[in-house]
Amino acid sequence: MDHMVYCAKYKAEMKGLAEPPFDSDFGQKIYKNVSEKAWGEWVERQKMLLNEYRLQPWTREAQEFLVEQMNEFFFGEGGALPKEYVAPE
């Protein structure tokens, strides 16, 4: 049986993740409140942020920035795109 959640991003009951993405309280919050669909969208947004800002994901600064952006993406206003970002055609 699928793990169902009330998705914080879509405000609807949807299929959730198979397991928490992180071993932390924040990972549990995502597991309980974020759908599989919204998580997939975050993964794409994270790739864009890593590339646009040329982040090194193993650094503490990049990790803190990404967690902040992830929190905003799921539980805030959605997170702003970098001003230099140009969407692919």
PDB file of N, CA and C in Angstrom:
ATOM      1  N   MET A   1       0.836  -1.183   0.000  1.00  0.00           N
ATOM      2  CA  MET A   1       0.000   0.000   0.000  1.00  0.00           C
ATOM      3  C   MET A   1       0.885   1.252   0.000  1.00  0.00           C
ATOM      4  N   ASP A   2       0.515   2.223  -0.816  1.00  0.00           N
ATOM      5  CA  ASP A   2       1.284   3.465  -0.916  1.00  0.00           C
ATOM      6  C   ASP A   2       1.171   4.293   0.359  1.00  0.00           C
ATOM      7  N   HIS A   3       2.240   5.007   0.654  1.00  0.00           N
ATOM      8  CA  HIS A   3       2.263   5.971   1.760  1.00  0.00           C
ATOM      9  C   HIS A   3       1.590   7.249   1.243  1.00  0.00           C
ATOM     10  N   MET A   4       0.466   7.623   1.823  1.00  0.00           N
ATOM     11  CA  MET A   4      -0.270   8.803   1.381  1.00  0.00           C
ATOM     12  C   MET A   4      -0.014   9.957   2.348  1.00  0.00           C
ATOM     13  N   VAL A   5       0.063  11.164   1.785  1.00  0.00           N
ATOM     14  CA  VAL A   5       0.284  12.368   2.585  1.00  0.00           C
ATOM     15  C   VAL A   5      -0.645  13.466   2.089  1.00  0.00           C
ATOM     16  N   TYR A   6      -0.881  14.437   2.950  1.00  0.00           N
ATOM     17  CA  TYR A   6      -1.525  15.664   2.507  1.00  0.00           C
ATOM     18  C   TYR A   6      -0.372  16.585   2.128  1.00  0.00           C
ATOM     19  N   CYS A   7      -0.168  16.761   0.831  1.00  0.00           N
ATOM     20  CA  CYS A   7       1.006  17.471   0.324  1.00  0.00           C
ATOM     21  C   CYS A   7       0.936  18.959   0.654  1.00  0.00           C
ATOM     22  N   ALA A   8       1.984  19.467   1.305  1.00  0.00           N
ATOM     23  CA  ALA A   8       2.068  20.874   1.674  1.00  0.00           C
ATOM     24  C   ALA A   8       2.121  21.770   0.433  1.00  0.00           C
ATOM     25  N   LYS A   9       2.710  21.297  -0.639  1.00  0.00           N
ATOM     26  CA  LYS A   9       2.838  22.112  -1.859  1.00  0.00           C
ATOM     27  C   LYS A   9       1.545  22.134  -2.655  1.00  0.00           C
ATOM     28  N   TYR A  10       0.913  20.994  -2.815  1.00  0.00           N
ATOM     29  CA  TYR A  10      -0.285  20.891  -3.655  1.00  0.00           C
ATOM     30  C   TYR A  10      -1.592  20.971  -2.888  1.00  0.00           C
ATOM     31  N   LYS A  11      -1.527  20.959  -1.570  1.00  0.00           N
ATOM     32  CA  LYS A  11      -2.726  21.044  -0.737  1.00  0.00           C
ATOM     33  C   LYS A  11      -3.757  19.983  -1.130  1.00  0.00           C
ATOM     34  N   ALA A  12      -3.258  18.752  -1.298  1.00  0.00           N
ATOM     35  CA  ALA A  12      -4.122  17.631  -1.675  1.00  0.00           C
ATOM     36  C   ALA A  12      -3.528  16.334  -1.163  1.00  0.00           C
ATOM     37  N   GLU A  13      -4.368  15.329  -1.003  1.00  0.00           N
ATOM     38  CA  GLU A  13      -3.929  13.994  -0.614  1.00  0.00           C
ATOM     39  C   GLU A  13      -3.250  13.354  -1.825  1.00  0.00           C
ATOM     40  N   MET A  14      -2.003  12.952  -1.662  1.00  0.00           N
ATOM     41  CA  MET A  14      -1.232  12.404  -2.766  1.00  0.00           C
ATOM     42  C   MET A  14      -0.302  11.304  -2.259  1.00  0.00           C
ATOM     43  N   LYS A  15       0.257  10.562  -3.195  1.00  0.00           N
ATOM     44  CA  LYS A  15       1.235   9.529  -2.860  1.00  0.00           C
ATOM     45  C   LYS A  15       2.498  10.198  -2.319  1.00  0.00           C
ATOM     46  N   GLY A  16       2.969   9.683  -1.175  1.00  0.00           N
ATOM     47  CA  GLY A  16       4.165  10.231  -0.549  1.00  0.00           C
ATOM     48  C   GLY A  16       5.413   9.473  -0.933  1.00  0.00           C
ATOM     49  N   LEU A  17       6.516   9.884  -0.361  1.00  0.00           N
ATOM     50  CA  LEU A  17       7.799   9.235  -0.594  1.00  0.00           C
ATOM     51  C   LEU A  17       7.822   7.854   0.052  1.00  0.00           C
ATOM     52  N   ALA A  18       8.635   6.975  -0.468  1.00  0.00           N
ATOM     53  CA  ALA A  18       8.757   5.617   0.080  1.00  0.00           C
ATOM     54  C   ALA A  18       9.464   5.621   1.432  1.00  0.00           C
ATOM     55  N   GLU A  19      10.344   6.605   1.645  1.00  0.00           N
ATOM     56  CA  GLU A  19      11.090   6.714   2.901  1.00  0.00           C
ATOM     57  C   GLU A  19      11.550   8.151   3.074  1.00  0.00           C
ATOM     58  N   PRO A  20      11.888   8.555   4.291  1.00  0.00           N
ATOM     59  CA  PRO A  20      12.377   9.921   4.500  1.00  0.00           C
ATOM     60  C   PRO A  20      13.650  10.173   3.682  1.00  0.00           C
ATOM     61  N   PRO A  21      13.776  11.360   3.092  1.00  0.00           N
ATOM     62  CA  PRO A  21      14.957  11.649   2.278  1.00  0.00           C
ATOM     63  C   PRO A  21      16.223  11.898   3.094  1.00  0.00           C
ATOM     64  N   PHE A  22      16.069  12.255   4.365  1.00  0.00           N
ATOM     65  CA  PHE A  22      17.201  12.525   5.258  1.00  0.00           C
ATOM     66  C   PHE A  22      16.919  11.898   6.613  1.00  0.00           C
ATOM     67  N   ASP A  23      17.970  11.585   7.332  1.00  0.00           N
ATOM     68  CA  ASP A  23      17.847  11.052   8.675  1.00  0.00           C
ATOM     69  C   ASP A  23      17.900  12.219   9.660  1.00  0.00           C
ATOM     70  N   SER A  24      16.805  12.994   9.679  1.00  0.00           N
ATOM     71  CA  SER A  24      16.735  14.171  10.549  1.00  0.00           C
ATOM     72  C   SER A  24      15.261  14.511  10.774  1.00  0.00           C
ATOM     73  N   ASP A  25      15.020  15.467  11.660  1.00  0.00           N
ATOM     74  CA  ASP A  25      13.646  15.930  11.877  1.00  0.00           C
ATOM     75  C   ASP A  25      13.082  16.538  10.598  1.00  0.00           C
ATOM     76  N   PHE A  26      13.904  17.276   9.863  1.00  0.00           N
ATOM     77  CA  PHE A  26      13.445  17.879   8.612  1.00  0.00           C
ATOM     78  C   PHE A  26      13.102  16.789   7.587  1.00  0.00           C
ATOM     79  N   GLY A  27      13.880  15.727   7.550  1.00  0.00           N
ATOM     80  CA  GLY A  27      13.586  14.606   6.661  1.00  0.00           C
ATOM     81  C   GLY A  27      12.250  13.964   7.003  1.00  0.00           C
ATOM     82  N   GLN A  28      11.944  13.847   8.300  1.00  0.00           N
ATOM     83  CA  GLN A  28      10.653  13.314   8.733  1.00  0.00           C
ATOM     84  C   GLN A  28       9.512  14.251   8.343  1.00  0.00           C
ATOM     85  N   LYS A  29       9.752  15.552   8.468  1.00  0.00           N
ATOM     86  CA  LYS A  29       8.729  16.537   8.086  1.00  0.00           C
ATOM     87  C   LYS A  29       8.406  16.405   6.595  1.00  0.00           C
ATOM     88  N   ILE A  30       9.431  16.248   5.777  1.00  0.00           N
ATOM     89  CA  ILE A  30       9.221  16.074   4.341  1.00  0.00           C
ATOM     90  C   ILE A  30       8.477  14.768   4.075  1.00  0.00           C
ATOM     91  N   TYR A  31       8.888  13.699   4.719  1.00  0.00           N
ATOM     92  CA  TYR A  31       8.246  12.395   4.539  1.00  0.00           C
ATOM     93  C   TYR A  31       6.750  12.455   4.862  1.00  0.00           C
ATOM     94  N   LYS A  32       6.395  13.198   5.891  1.00  0.00           N
ATOM     95  CA  LYS A  32       5.007  13.265   6.345  1.00  0.00           C
ATOM     96  C   LYS A  32       4.162  14.294   5.604  1.00  0.00           C
ATOM     97  N   ASN A  33       4.801  15.238   4.864  1.00  0.00           N
ATOM     98  CA  ASN A  33       4.058  16.363   4.304  1.00  0.00           C
ATOM     99  C   ASN A  33       4.319  16.671   2.837  1.00  0.00           C
ATOM    100  N   VAL A  34       5.146  15.884   2.163  1.00  0.00           N
ATOM    101  CA  VAL A  34       5.506  16.192   0.780  1.00  0.00           C
ATOM    102  C   VAL A  34       5.219  14.983  -0.111  1.00  0.00           C
ATOM    103  N   SER A  35       4.558  15.240  -1.223  1.00  0.00           N
ATOM    104  CA  SER A  35       4.229  14.157  -2.159  1.00  0.00           C
ATOM    105  C   SER A  35       5.429  13.776  -3.010  1.00  0.00           C
ATOM    106  N   GLU A  36       5.332  12.600  -3.582  1.00  0.00           N
ATOM    107  CA  GLU A  36       6.356  12.124  -4.505  1.00  0.00           C
ATOM    108  C   GLU A  36       6.491  13.083  -5.690  1.00  0.00           C
ATOM    109  N   LYS A  37       5.369  13.585  -6.193  1.00  0.00           N
ATOM    110  CA  LYS A  37       5.379  14.532  -7.323  1.00  0.00           C
ATOM    111  C   LYS A  37       6.126  15.818  -6.949  1.00  0.00           C
ATOM    112  N   ALA A  38       5.796  16.394  -5.784  1.00  0.00           N
ATOM    113  CA  ALA A  38       6.453  17.628  -5.348  1.00  0.00           C
ATOM    114  C   ALA A  38       7.946  17.391  -5.118  1.00  0.00           C
ATOM    115  N   TRP A  39       8.314  16.219  -4.580  1.00  0.00           N
ATOM    116  CA  TRP A  39       9.726  15.910  -4.365  1.00  0.00           C
ATOM    117  C   TRP A  39      10.472  15.869  -5.699  1.00  0.00           C
ATOM    118  N   GLY A  40       9.875  15.254  -6.705  1.00  0.00           N
ATOM    119  CA  GLY A  40      10.495  15.207  -8.031  1.00  0.00           C
ATOM    120  C   GLY A  40      10.724  16.604  -8.591  1.00  0.00           C
ATOM    121  N   GLU A  41       9.770  17.495  -8.369  1.00  0.00           N
ATOM    122  CA  GLU A  41       9.939  18.888  -8.809  1.00  0.00           C
ATOM    123  C   GLU A  41      11.067  19.565  -8.047  1.00  0.00           C
ATOM    124  N   TRP A  42      11.173  19.262  -6.742  1.00  0.00           N
ATOM    125  CA  TRP A  42      12.274  19.827  -5.963  1.00  0.00           C
ATOM    126  C   TRP A  42      13.623  19.352  -6.495  1.00  0.00           C
ATOM    127  N   VAL A  43      13.733  18.088  -6.836  1.00  0.00           N
ATOM    128  CA  VAL A  43      15.006  17.555  -7.347  1.00  0.00           C
ATOM    129  C   VAL A  43      15.434  18.345  -8.580  1.00  0.00           C
ATOM    130  N   GLU A  44      14.499  18.656  -9.458  1.00  0.00           N
ATOM    131  CA  GLU A  44      14.825  19.451 -10.647  1.00  0.00           C
ATOM    132  C   GLU A  44      15.209  20.874 -10.262  1.00  0.00           C
ATOM    133  N   ARG A  45      14.503  21.467  -9.302  1.00  0.00           N
ATOM    134  CA  ARG A  45      14.821  22.822  -8.842  1.00  0.00           C
ATOM    135  C   ARG A  45      16.201  22.841  -8.202  1.00  0.00           C
ATOM    136  N   GLN A  46      16.517  21.799  -7.429  1.00  0.00           N
ATOM    137  CA  GLN A  46      17.823  21.724  -6.776  1.00  0.00           C
ATOM    138  C   GLN A  46      18.942  21.668  -7.808  1.00  0.00           C
ATOM    139  N   LYS A  47      18.754  20.886  -8.868  1.00  0.00           N
ATOM    140  CA  LYS A  47      19.766  20.818  -9.948  1.00  0.00           C
ATOM    141  C   LYS A  47      19.990  22.199 -10.543  1.00  0.00           C
ATOM    142  N   MET A  48      18.883  22.916 -10.779  1.00  0.00           N
ATOM    143  CA  MET A  48      18.984  24.254 -11.350  1.00  0.00           C
ATOM    144  C   MET A  48      19.741  25.179 -10.398  1.00  0.00           C
ATOM    145  N   LEU A  49      19.432  25.130  -9.109  1.00  0.00           N
ATOM    146  CA  LEU A  49      20.121  25.974  -8.133  1.00  0.00           C
ATOM    147  C   LEU A  49      21.609  25.641  -8.066  1.00  0.00           C
ATOM    148  N   LEU A  50      21.927  24.358  -8.057  1.00  0.00           N
ATOM    149  CA  LEU A  50      23.336  23.947  -8.029  1.00  0.00           C
ATOM    150  C   LEU A  50      24.083  24.506  -9.234  1.00  0.00           C
ATOM    151  N   ASN A  51      23.459  24.430 -10.401  1.00  0.00           N
ATOM    152  CA  ASN A  51      24.109  24.904 -11.623  1.00  0.00           C
ATOM    153  C   ASN A  51      24.167  26.427 -11.700  1.00  0.00           C
ATOM    154  N   GLU A  52      23.050  27.092 -11.447  1.00  0.00           N
ATOM    155  CA  GLU A  52      22.994  28.554 -11.575  1.00  0.00           C
ATOM    156  C   GLU A  52      23.923  29.248 -10.585  1.00  0.00           C
ATOM    157  N   TYR A  53      23.990  28.727  -9.374  1.00  0.00           N
ATOM    158  CA  TYR A  53      24.835  29.335  -8.344  1.00  0.00           C
ATOM    159  C   TYR A  53      26.208  28.679  -8.253  1.00  0.00           C
ATOM    160  N   ARG A  54      26.443  27.676  -9.092  1.00  0.00           N
ATOM    161  CA  ARG A  54      27.716  26.954  -9.108  1.00  0.00           C
ATOM    162  C   ARG A  54      28.110  26.491  -7.701  1.00  0.00           C
ATOM    163  N   LEU A  55      27.151  25.844  -7.045  1.00  0.00           N
ATOM    164  CA  LEU A  55      27.344  25.381  -5.674  1.00  0.00           C
ATOM    165  C   LEU A  55      28.122  24.077  -5.635  1.00  0.00           C
ATOM    166  N   GLN A  56      28.892  23.914  -4.600  1.00  0.00           N
ATOM    167  CA  GLN A  56      29.595  22.666  -4.318  1.00  0.00           C
ATOM    168  C   GLN A  56      28.770  21.970  -3.235  1.00  0.00           C
ATOM    169  N   PRO A  57      27.972  20.948  -3.579  1.00  0.00           N
ATOM    170  CA  PRO A  57      27.006  20.393  -2.629  1.00  0.00           C
ATOM    171  C   PRO A  57      27.602  19.767  -1.374  1.00  0.00           C
ATOM    172  N   TRP A  58      28.881  19.511  -1.358  1.00  0.00           N
ATOM    173  CA  TRP A  58      29.507  18.913  -0.173  1.00  0.00           C
ATOM    174  C   TRP A  58      29.897  19.973   0.864  1.00  0.00           C
ATOM    175  N   THR A  59      29.757  21.263   0.522  1.00  0.00           N
ATOM    176  CA  THR A  59      30.115  22.313   1.486  1.00  0.00           C
ATOM    177  C   THR A  59      28.941  22.630   2.399  1.00  0.00           C
ATOM    178  N   ARG A  60      29.251  23.013   3.618  1.00  0.00           N
ATOM    179  CA  ARG A  60      28.221  23.357   4.602  1.00  0.00           C
ATOM    180  C   ARG A  60      27.368  24.522   4.101  1.00  0.00           C
ATOM    181  N   GLU A  61      27.989  25.517   3.495  1.00  0.00           N
ATOM    182  CA  GLU A  61      27.253  26.688   3.019  1.00  0.00           C
ATOM    183  C   GLU A  61      26.224  26.294   1.964  1.00  0.00           C
ATOM    184  N   ALA A  62      26.616  25.451   1.030  1.00  0.00           N
ATOM    185  CA  ALA A  62      25.694  25.005  -0.022  1.00  0.00           C
ATOM    186  C   ALA A  62      24.561  24.182   0.579  1.00  0.00           C
ATOM    187  N   GLN A  63      24.883  23.315   1.515  1.00  0.00           N
ATOM    188  CA  GLN A  63      23.860  22.478   2.142  1.00  0.00           C
ATOM    189  C   GLN A  63      22.850  23.328   2.909  1.00  0.00           C
ATOM    190  N   GLU A  64      23.345  24.310   3.646  1.00  0.00           N
ATOM    191  CA  GLU A  64      22.445  25.187   4.396  1.00  0.00           C
ATOM    192  C   GLU A  64      21.557  25.988   3.443  1.00  0.00           C
ATOM    193  N   PHE A  65      22.136  26.484   2.354  1.00  0.00           N
ATOM    194  CA  PHE A  65      21.374  27.221   1.355  1.00  0.00           C
ATOM    195  C   PHE A  65      20.285  26.332   0.750  1.00  0.00           C
ATOM    196  N   LEU A  66      20.632  25.097   0.391  1.00  0.00           N
ATOM    197  CA  LEU A  66      19.669  24.195  -0.228  1.00  0.00           C
ATOM    198  C   LEU A  66      18.546  23.817   0.735  1.00  0.00           C
ATOM    199  N   VAL A  67      18.862  23.611   2.009  1.00  0.00           N
ATOM    200  CA  VAL A  67      17.820  23.305   2.992  1.00  0.00           C
ATOM    201  C   VAL A  67      16.878  24.503   3.133  1.00  0.00           C
ATOM    202  N   GLU A  68      17.437  25.700   3.166  1.00  0.00           N
ATOM    203  CA  GLU A  68      16.622  26.922   3.245  1.00  0.00           C
ATOM    204  C   GLU A  68      15.693  27.025   2.030  1.00  0.00           C
ATOM    205  N   GLN A  69      16.242  26.778   0.853  1.00  0.00           N
ATOM    206  CA  GLN A  69      15.458  26.830  -0.377  1.00  0.00           C
ATOM    207  C   GLN A  69      14.400  25.727  -0.407  1.00  0.00           C
ATOM    208  N   MET A  70      14.755  24.548   0.070  1.00  0.00           N
ATOM    209  CA  MET A  70      13.823  23.429   0.103  1.00  0.00           C
ATOM    210  C   MET A  70      12.654  23.744   1.037  1.00  0.00           C
ATOM    211  N   ASN A  71      12.957  24.297   2.190  1.00  0.00           N
ATOM    212  CA  ASN A  71      11.914  24.669   3.142  1.00  0.00           C
ATOM    213  C   ASN A  71      10.964  25.683   2.517  1.00  0.00           C
ATOM    214  N   GLU A  72      11.510  26.659   1.820  1.00  0.00           N
ATOM    215  CA  GLU A  72      10.694  27.676   1.153  1.00  0.00           C
ATOM    216  C   GLU A  72       9.881  27.056   0.015  1.00  0.00           C
ATOM    217  N   PHE A  73      10.480  26.145  -0.730  1.00  0.00           N
ATOM    218  CA  PHE A  73       9.822  25.490  -1.863  1.00  0.00           C
ATOM    219  C   PHE A  73       8.586  24.701  -1.407  1.00  0.00           C
ATOM    220  N   PHE A  74       8.713  23.953  -0.324  1.00  0.00           N
ATOM    221  CA  PHE A  74       7.617  23.111   0.139  1.00  0.00           C
ATOM    222  C   PHE A  74       6.662  23.813   1.097  1.00  0.00           C
ATOM    223  N   PHE A  75       7.188  24.616   1.997  1.00  0.00           N
ATOM    224  CA  PHE A  75       6.384  25.125   3.100  1.00  0.00           C
ATOM    225  C   PHE A  75       6.232  26.644   3.112  1.00  0.00           C
ATOM    226  N   GLY A  76       6.866  27.332   2.163  1.00  0.00           N
ATOM    227  CA  GLY A  76       6.785  28.789   2.106  1.00  0.00           C
ATOM    228  C   GLY A  76       6.110  29.256   0.831  1.00  0.00           C
ATOM    229  N   GLU A  77       6.665  30.289   0.262  1.00  0.00           N
ATOM    230  CA  GLU A  77       6.102  30.899  -0.948  1.00  0.00           C
ATOM    231  C   GLU A  77       6.562  30.229  -2.234  1.00  0.00           C
ATOM    232  N   GLY A  78       7.324  29.170  -2.126  1.00  0.00           N
ATOM    233  CA  GLY A  78       7.751  28.434  -3.318  1.00  0.00           C
ATOM    234  C   GLY A  78       9.203  28.642  -3.692  1.00  0.00           C
ATOM    235  N   GLY A  79       9.830  29.647  -3.140  1.00  0.00           N
ATOM    236  CA  GLY A  79      11.243  29.901  -3.435  1.00  0.00           C
ATOM    237  C   GLY A  79      11.411  30.634  -4.747  1.00  0.00           C
ATOM    238  N   ALA A  80      12.214  31.653  -4.724  1.00  0.00           N
ATOM    239  CA  ALA A  80      12.454  32.460  -5.922  1.00  0.00           C
ATOM    240  C   ALA A  80      13.525  31.819  -6.795  1.00  0.00           C
ATOM    241  N   LEU A  81      13.354  31.950  -8.088  1.00  0.00           N
ATOM    242  CA  LEU A  81      14.378  31.503  -9.027  1.00  0.00           C
ATOM    243  C   LEU A  81      15.509  32.530  -9.047  1.00  0.00           C
ATOM    244  N   PRO A  82      16.736  32.111  -9.336  1.00  0.00           N
ATOM    245  CA  PRO A  82      17.825  33.091  -9.447  1.00  0.00           C
ATOM    246  C   PRO A  82      17.492  34.128 -10.521  1.00  0.00           C
ATOM    247  N   LYS A  83      17.834  35.397 -10.267  1.00  0.00           N
ATOM    248  CA  LYS A  83      17.471  36.449 -11.230  1.00  0.00           C
ATOM    249  C   LYS A  83      18.144  36.251 -12.579  1.00  0.00           C
ATOM    250  N   GLU A  84      19.270  35.541 -12.618  1.00  0.00           N
ATOM    251  CA  GLU A  84      19.977  35.294 -13.873  1.00  0.00           C
ATOM    252  C   GLU A  84      19.409  34.106 -14.644  1.00  0.00           C
ATOM    253  N   TYR A  85      18.490  33.349 -14.023  1.00  0.00           N
ATOM    254  CA  TYR A  85      17.964  32.129 -14.635  1.00  0.00           C
ATOM    255  C   TYR A  85      17.169  32.444 -15.894  1.00  0.00           C
ATOM    256  N   VAL A  86      17.486  31.696 -16.951  1.00  0.00           N
ATOM    257  CA  VAL A  86      16.734  31.789 -18.193  1.00  0.00           C
ATOM    258  C   VAL A  86      16.179  30.389 -18.455  1.00  0.00           C
ATOM    259  N   ALA A  87      14.866  30.294 -18.514  1.00  0.00           N
ATOM    260  CA  ALA A  87      14.216  28.998 -18.728  1.00  0.00           C
ATOM    261  C   ALA A  87      14.569  28.451 -20.113  1.00  0.00           C
ATOM    262  N   PRO A  88      14.803  27.142 -20.222  1.00  0.00           N
ATOM    263  CA  PRO A  88      15.088  26.553 -21.528  1.00  0.00           C
ATOM    264  C   PRO A  88      13.853  26.654 -22.432  1.00  0.00           C
ATOM    265  N   GLU A  89      14.122  26.767 -23.713  1.00  0.00           N
ATOM    266  CA  GLU A  89      13.012  26.896 -24.672  1.00  0.00           C
ATOM    267  C   GLU A  89      12.508  25.551 -25.117  1.00  0.00           C
TER     268      GLU A  89
END
